[in-house]
Protein backbone atom coordinates (compact mmCIF):
# COMPACT_ATOMS: atom_id res chain seq x y z
CA MET A 1 8.14 -84.19 6.19
CA SER A 2 8.37 -80.45 6.25
CA SER A 3 5.79 -78.63 8.36
CA VAL A 4 6.34 -75.28 6.62
CA ASN A 5 3.15 -73.83 5.15
CA PRO A 6 3.78 -72.88 1.49
CA ASN A 7 1.27 -70.01 1.72
CA VAL A 8 3.20 -68.47 4.61
CA GLU A 9 6.47 -68.78 2.69
CA ALA A 10 4.89 -67.08 -0.33
CA GLN A 11 3.63 -64.19 1.82
CA LYS A 12 7.11 -63.74 3.30
CA ARG A 13 8.63 -63.55 -0.17
CA ILE A 14 6.07 -60.91 -1.22
CA LYS A 15 6.86 -58.78 1.85
CA THR A 16 10.59 -59.17 1.27
CA ASP A 17 10.24 -58.05 -2.34
CA ALA A 18 8.08 -55.09 -1.31
CA ASN A 19 10.60 -54.01 1.30
CA ALA A 20 13.38 -54.26 -1.24
CA ASP A 21 11.45 -52.03 -3.66
CA ASN A 22 10.63 -49.46 -0.98
CA GLY A 23 13.82 -49.51 1.05
CA PRO A 24 15.44 -46.47 2.61
CA ASP A 25 17.44 -45.79 -0.55
CA LYS A 26 14.37 -45.87 -2.79
CA ASP A 27 12.82 -42.41 -3.49
CA PRO A 28 9.02 -42.80 -3.55
CA LEU A 29 8.50 -39.57 -5.57
CA SER A 30 8.98 -39.05 -9.27
CA ASN A 31 10.77 -35.97 -10.59
CA ASP A 32 7.45 -34.39 -11.58
CA GLU A 33 6.09 -34.98 -8.08
CA LYS A 34 9.21 -33.42 -6.55
CA ASP A 35 8.72 -30.33 -8.71
CA GLU A 36 5.10 -30.11 -7.63
CA VAL A 37 6.05 -30.41 -3.95
CA LYS A 38 8.57 -27.62 -4.42
CA GLU A 39 5.95 -25.41 -6.10
CA ARG A 40 3.44 -26.01 -3.33
CA SER A 41 5.90 -25.33 -0.51
CA PRO A 42 5.59 -21.87 1.10
CA LEU A 43 8.34 -19.30 0.75
CA ARG A 44 10.84 -19.36 3.59
CA PRO A 45 10.85 -16.18 5.74
CA VAL A 46 14.34 -15.31 4.51
CA ALA A 47 13.10 -15.58 0.91
CA VAL A 48 10.15 -13.30 1.67
CA TYR A 49 12.55 -10.85 3.25
CA GLU A 50 14.74 -10.91 0.15
CA VAL A 51 11.79 -10.16 -2.15
CA VAL A 52 10.58 -7.24 -0.01
CA ARG A 53 14.14 -5.95 0.45
CA GLN A 54 14.72 -5.96 -3.30
CA GLN A 55 11.50 -4.01 -3.78
CA GLY A 56 12.76 -1.50 -1.24
CA ASP A 57 16.08 -1.16 -3.06
CA ASP A 58 14.26 -0.52 -6.32
CA GLU A 59 12.03 2.14 -4.72
CA LEU A 60 14.99 3.91 -3.13
CA GLU A 61 16.68 4.24 -6.51
CA ARG A 62 13.66 5.51 -8.47
CA PRO A 63 13.94 9.00 -10.02
CA THR A 64 12.26 11.88 -8.23
CA SER A 65 9.76 12.51 -11.01
CA SER A 66 8.68 8.85 -11.01
CA LEU A 67 8.13 8.89 -7.26
CA LEU A 68 6.12 12.11 -7.39
CA TRP A 69 3.82 11.03 -10.20
CA SER A 70 3.33 7.56 -8.74
CA GLY A 71 2.69 9.05 -5.29
CA LEU A 72 0.17 11.51 -6.73
CA ALA A 73 -1.64 8.68 -8.50
CA ALA A 74 -1.77 6.72 -5.23
CA GLY A 75 -3.18 9.71 -3.34
CA LEU A 76 -5.94 10.10 -5.92
CA SER A 77 -6.63 6.36 -6.14
CA ILE A 78 -6.94 5.92 -2.37
CA GLY A 79 -9.80 8.41 -2.46
CA PHE A 80 -11.98 5.71 -3.95
CA SER A 81 -11.81 3.91 -0.60
CA VAL A 82 -13.69 6.73 1.09
CA TYR A 83 -16.03 7.38 -1.83
CA THR A 84 -16.98 3.71 -2.27
CA GLN A 85 -17.55 3.36 1.46
CA ALA A 86 -19.76 6.46 1.39
CA THR A 87 -21.71 5.05 -1.56
CA LEU A 88 -22.36 1.79 0.30
CA ARG A 89 -23.44 3.73 3.39
CA HIS A 90 -25.96 5.68 1.31
CA PHE A 91 -27.54 2.67 -0.38
CA LEU A 92 -27.44 0.13 2.45
CA PRO A 93 -30.28 0.12 4.99
CA GLU A 94 -29.62 1.24 8.54
CA ALA A 95 -29.04 -1.94 10.53
CA SER A 96 -26.62 -3.40 13.04
CA TRP A 97 -24.87 -5.37 10.27
CA THR A 98 -24.48 -2.44 7.87
CA PRO A 99 -20.88 -1.58 8.93
CA LEU A 100 -19.83 -5.14 8.04
CA LEU A 101 -20.67 -4.51 4.38
CA GLU A 102 -19.95 -0.80 4.30
CA SER A 103 -16.34 -1.36 5.37
CA LEU A 104 -15.69 -3.46 2.28
CA GLY A 105 -15.71 -0.27 0.24
CA TYR A 106 -12.59 0.86 2.09
CA SER A 107 -10.55 -1.83 0.31
CA VAL A 108 -11.22 -0.49 -3.19
CA GLY A 109 -8.60 2.26 -3.17
CA PHE A 110 -5.96 -0.05 -1.69
CA LEU A 111 -6.62 -2.62 -4.42
CA ILE A 112 -6.05 0.03 -7.08
CA VAL A 113 -2.89 1.33 -5.42
CA ILE A 114 -1.20 -1.96 -4.49
CA LEU A 115 -2.08 -4.01 -7.57
CA GLY A 116 -1.32 -0.98 -9.75
CA ARG A 117 2.14 -0.66 -8.11
CA GLN A 118 1.56 2.98 -7.19
CA GLN A 119 3.66 4.50 -4.40
CA LEU A 120 1.78 4.53 -1.09
CA PHE A 121 3.57 5.95 1.92
CA THR A 122 2.50 3.33 4.45
CA GLU A 123 3.43 0.54 2.06
CA ILE A 124 7.02 1.73 1.63
CA THR A 125 7.62 2.23 5.36
CA LEU A 126 8.44 -1.49 5.51
CA SER A 127 10.08 -2.17 2.15
CA ALA A 128 12.36 0.88 2.34
CA VAL A 129 13.54 0.14 5.87
CA LEU A 130 14.58 -3.50 5.31
CA PRO A 131 17.60 -2.63 3.12
CA PHE A 132 18.70 -0.12 5.78
CA LEU A 133 18.44 -2.72 8.55
CA ALA A 134 20.64 -5.08 6.54
CA GLN A 135 23.31 -2.42 5.93
CA PRO A 136 22.81 0.64 8.16
CA SER A 137 24.51 3.79 6.92
CA PHE A 138 24.09 7.55 6.91
CA ALA A 139 23.63 7.51 3.13
CA GLY A 140 20.95 4.85 3.50
CA GLY A 141 19.12 6.98 6.04
CA LEU A 142 19.17 9.93 3.65
CA LYS A 143 17.71 7.74 0.90
CA ILE A 144 14.86 6.68 3.16
CA ALA A 145 14.18 10.30 4.16
CA ARG A 146 14.12 11.33 0.50
CA LEU A 147 11.75 8.50 -0.47
CA TRP A 148 9.37 9.07 2.44
CA THR A 149 9.27 12.83 1.95
CA LEU A 150 8.57 12.68 -1.78
CA VAL A 151 5.95 9.94 -1.58
CA LEU A 152 4.19 11.38 1.47
CA ALA A 153 3.99 14.85 -0.09
CA ALA A 154 2.67 13.48 -3.38
CA ASN A 155 0.16 11.24 -1.57
CA ILE A 156 -1.16 14.16 0.49
CA VAL A 157 -1.56 16.38 -2.59
CA GLY A 158 -3.58 13.63 -4.27
CA THR A 159 -5.82 13.18 -1.23
CA LEU A 160 -6.39 16.94 -0.96
CA VAL A 161 -7.54 17.04 -4.58
CA PHE A 162 -9.87 14.08 -4.11
CA GLY A 163 -11.21 15.41 -0.79
CA ALA A 164 -11.88 18.79 -2.38
CA GLY A 165 -13.78 17.01 -5.14
CA ILE A 166 -15.99 15.31 -2.56
CA ALA A 167 -16.58 18.50 -0.57
CA LEU A 168 -17.43 20.52 -3.69
CA ASP A 169 -19.55 17.65 -5.03
CA VAL A 170 -18.01 17.76 -8.49
CA LEU A 171 -19.93 14.62 -9.49
CA ASN A 172 -23.23 16.14 -8.37
CA LEU A 173 -24.11 13.30 -6.00
CA PRO A 174 -25.17 15.18 -2.85
CA GLU A 175 -26.36 12.08 -0.98
CA ILE A 176 -22.99 10.39 -1.33
CA ARG A 177 -21.24 13.64 -0.39
CA MET A 178 -23.22 13.75 2.87
CA ALA A 179 -22.39 10.10 3.59
CA ALA A 180 -18.68 10.85 3.01
CA ILE A 181 -18.87 13.79 5.41
CA GLU A 182 -20.49 11.56 8.05
CA ILE A 183 -17.69 9.01 7.68
CA SER A 184 -15.08 11.77 7.87
CA GLN A 185 -16.60 13.26 11.02
CA LYS A 186 -16.43 9.84 12.66
CA ALA A 187 -12.77 9.55 11.68
CA ILE A 188 -11.75 12.73 13.53
CA GLU A 189 -13.54 11.86 16.78
CA PRO A 190 -10.76 9.96 18.64
CA SER A 191 -8.43 11.99 20.84
CA PRO A 192 -4.77 12.25 19.67
CA PRO A 193 -3.51 9.46 22.00
CA TYR A 194 -6.13 7.02 20.71
CA MET A 195 -5.52 8.17 17.15
CA PHE A 196 -1.83 7.38 17.68
CA LEU A 197 -2.53 3.87 18.98
CA ARG A 198 -4.98 3.15 16.17
CA ALA A 199 -2.38 4.34 13.68
CA ILE A 200 0.20 1.90 15.05
CA ALA A 201 -2.24 -0.96 14.43
CA ALA A 202 -3.00 0.29 10.91
CA GLY A 203 0.71 0.59 10.11
CA TRP A 204 1.24 -2.97 11.28
CA ILE A 205 -1.62 -4.24 9.07
CA ILE A 206 -0.31 -2.51 5.94
CA ALA A 207 3.18 -3.85 6.61
CA THR A 208 1.63 -7.30 6.96
CA VAL A 209 0.06 -6.92 3.51
CA VAL A 210 3.49 -6.10 2.05
CA TRP A 211 5.08 -9.09 3.83
CA LEU A 212 2.39 -11.55 2.70
CA LEU A 213 2.15 -10.60 -0.97
CA PRO A 214 5.40 -12.30 -2.17
CA SER A 215 4.04 -15.70 -1.15
CA ALA A 216 0.37 -14.94 -1.89
CA GLU A 217 0.49 -16.06 -5.54
CA GLY A 218 -3.19 -16.27 -6.58
CA SER A 219 -4.50 -14.86 -3.29
CA ARG A 220 -3.22 -11.28 -3.59
CA PHE A 221 -6.72 -9.88 -4.11
CA HIS A 222 -8.12 -11.64 -1.06
CA ILE A 223 -5.22 -10.64 1.22
CA ILE A 224 -5.49 -6.96 0.30
CA VAL A 225 -9.28 -6.91 0.70
CA LEU A 226 -9.33 -8.77 4.01
CA LEU A 227 -6.57 -6.86 5.79
CA THR A 228 -7.51 -3.36 4.59
CA TYR A 229 -11.14 -4.19 5.40
CA LEU A 230 -10.04 -4.66 9.01
CA ILE A 231 -8.60 -1.12 9.10
CA SER A 232 -12.05 0.29 8.41
CA LEU A 233 -13.94 -2.23 10.52
CA PHE A 234 -11.76 -1.53 13.58
CA HIS A 235 -11.83 2.26 12.98
CA LEU A 236 -8.04 2.41 12.72
CA ALA A 237 -6.15 5.46 11.44
CA HIS A 238 -4.36 5.47 8.08
CA ILE A 239 -2.45 8.63 7.17
CA ILE A 240 -3.28 8.57 3.43
CA ALA A 241 -6.84 7.22 3.33
CA GLY A 242 -7.64 9.31 6.40
CA SER A 243 -6.23 12.38 4.67
CA VAL A 244 -9.07 12.13 2.12
CA GLU A 245 -11.53 12.33 5.02
CA MET A 246 -9.69 15.27 6.57
CA ALA A 247 -9.60 17.08 3.21
CA THR A 248 -13.32 16.51 2.82
CA LEU A 249 -13.95 18.21 6.16
CA LEU A 250 -11.42 20.98 5.49
CA PHE A 251 -12.90 21.98 2.13
CA SER A 252 -16.46 21.73 3.42
CA GLY A 253 -15.59 24.15 6.24
CA GLN A 254 -16.14 21.67 9.07
CA LEU A 255 -12.54 21.31 10.26
CA SER A 256 -9.72 23.74 10.94
CA VAL A 257 -6.19 23.17 9.70
CA LEU A 258 -4.83 23.27 13.26
CA ARG A 259 -7.22 20.59 14.53
CA ALA A 260 -6.53 18.44 11.48
CA LEU A 261 -2.79 18.61 12.21
CA THR A 262 -2.94 18.03 15.96
CA HIS A 263 -5.75 15.45 16.06
CA PHE A 264 -5.05 13.50 12.91
CA TYR A 265 -1.98 14.18 10.75
CA ILE A 266 0.75 14.24 13.40
CA PRO A 267 -0.38 11.35 15.65
CA THR A 268 -1.40 9.21 12.66
CA LEU A 269 1.82 9.79 10.73
CA VAL A 270 3.97 8.92 13.73
CA GLY A 271 1.82 5.91 14.60
CA ASN A 272 1.87 4.49 11.07
CA ILE A 273 5.66 4.81 10.91
CA ILE A 274 6.10 3.10 14.27
CA GLY A 275 3.68 0.31 13.40
CA GLY A 276 5.12 -0.33 9.94
CA SER A 277 8.80 0.44 10.42
CA ALA A 278 9.86 0.38 14.05
CA LEU A 279 7.77 -2.64 15.04
CA PHE A 280 6.92 -4.82 12.06
CA ALA A 281 10.14 -4.19 10.14
CA LEU A 282 12.36 -4.81 13.15
CA ILE A 283 10.54 -7.98 14.16
CA SER A 284 10.46 -9.27 10.58
CA TYR A 285 14.18 -8.62 10.21
CA ALA A 286 14.97 -10.16 13.60
CA GLN A 287 13.42 -13.50 12.65
CA ILE A 288 15.79 -13.96 9.68
CA ALA A 289 18.86 -12.03 10.89
CA GLY A 290 20.50 -15.21 12.17
CA GLU A 291 20.18 -16.92 8.78
CA LEU A 292 21.61 -13.86 7.03
CA ARG A 293 24.59 -13.73 9.40
CA SER A 294 25.24 -17.44 8.97
CA GLY A 295 25.62 -16.89 5.25
CA LYS A 296 22.63 -19.02 4.22
CA LYS A 297 21.29 -17.76 0.94
CA PRO A 298 17.53 -17.81 0.39
CA LYS A 299 16.57 -20.67 -1.87
CA GLY A 300 13.00 -19.51 -2.30
CA ARG A 301 10.99 -22.49 -1.05
CA GLU A 302 11.60 -25.10 1.54
């Protein structure tokens, strides 16, 4: 008589059948599930680099008139960062937590500029440099110099116009004008060395925004708001937004041109370039340089 338990034998057969169905050669995912996994996977660093590099190539080839008008629009638009922040300062009560909300106004101009695809100098310090790092050349350096010069000049003109509008109170809102002057006076307080260091940090943050946007998908708004909010909250120095503050003081007679140049424009410009180009761009390129040299083409998502 056999001593084998029929229930045990049945359980063994069930396990054997299950293992056969889910063996190493059996793919547990359907084609639709594979597509969804691919969609949900983050962009590889080399793919992000390729997106930003292509943007830089496009910017380097844009006509002069397009760069000037787009740069002027960005200089005017960034003024809303200062004006919105001043408006919040006027209406919010004086309290220890007020700067936490007031600094949110600083993000408004950046949202207009970045989502509107206007040319902002600190934004292109990264995207324009990446193509040059991939293929360094004298002609490439000249293209970068042309792009930076045109966009920076147009940005500054726009900020001067907006700052003059604040100083002259063209909207007839004297309380907000005074709040904007208070914010501007605070912005010029740091000594040039500290202004330089704060500008490096701001340049790094703006470059981070540019690097994150290709993989942000539906979070672009939140990334721009959060990171540019930190520039205001940490009292960092941004050459274009800060130029609105300097123009406000210049046209209201509270700042000389020489002090504006030596205490703000020169140290901030150099710091932003170092933070966005020399540091962030080089480090971002270094992390994917090996893959580029090995001939691996970016496939987008892992």
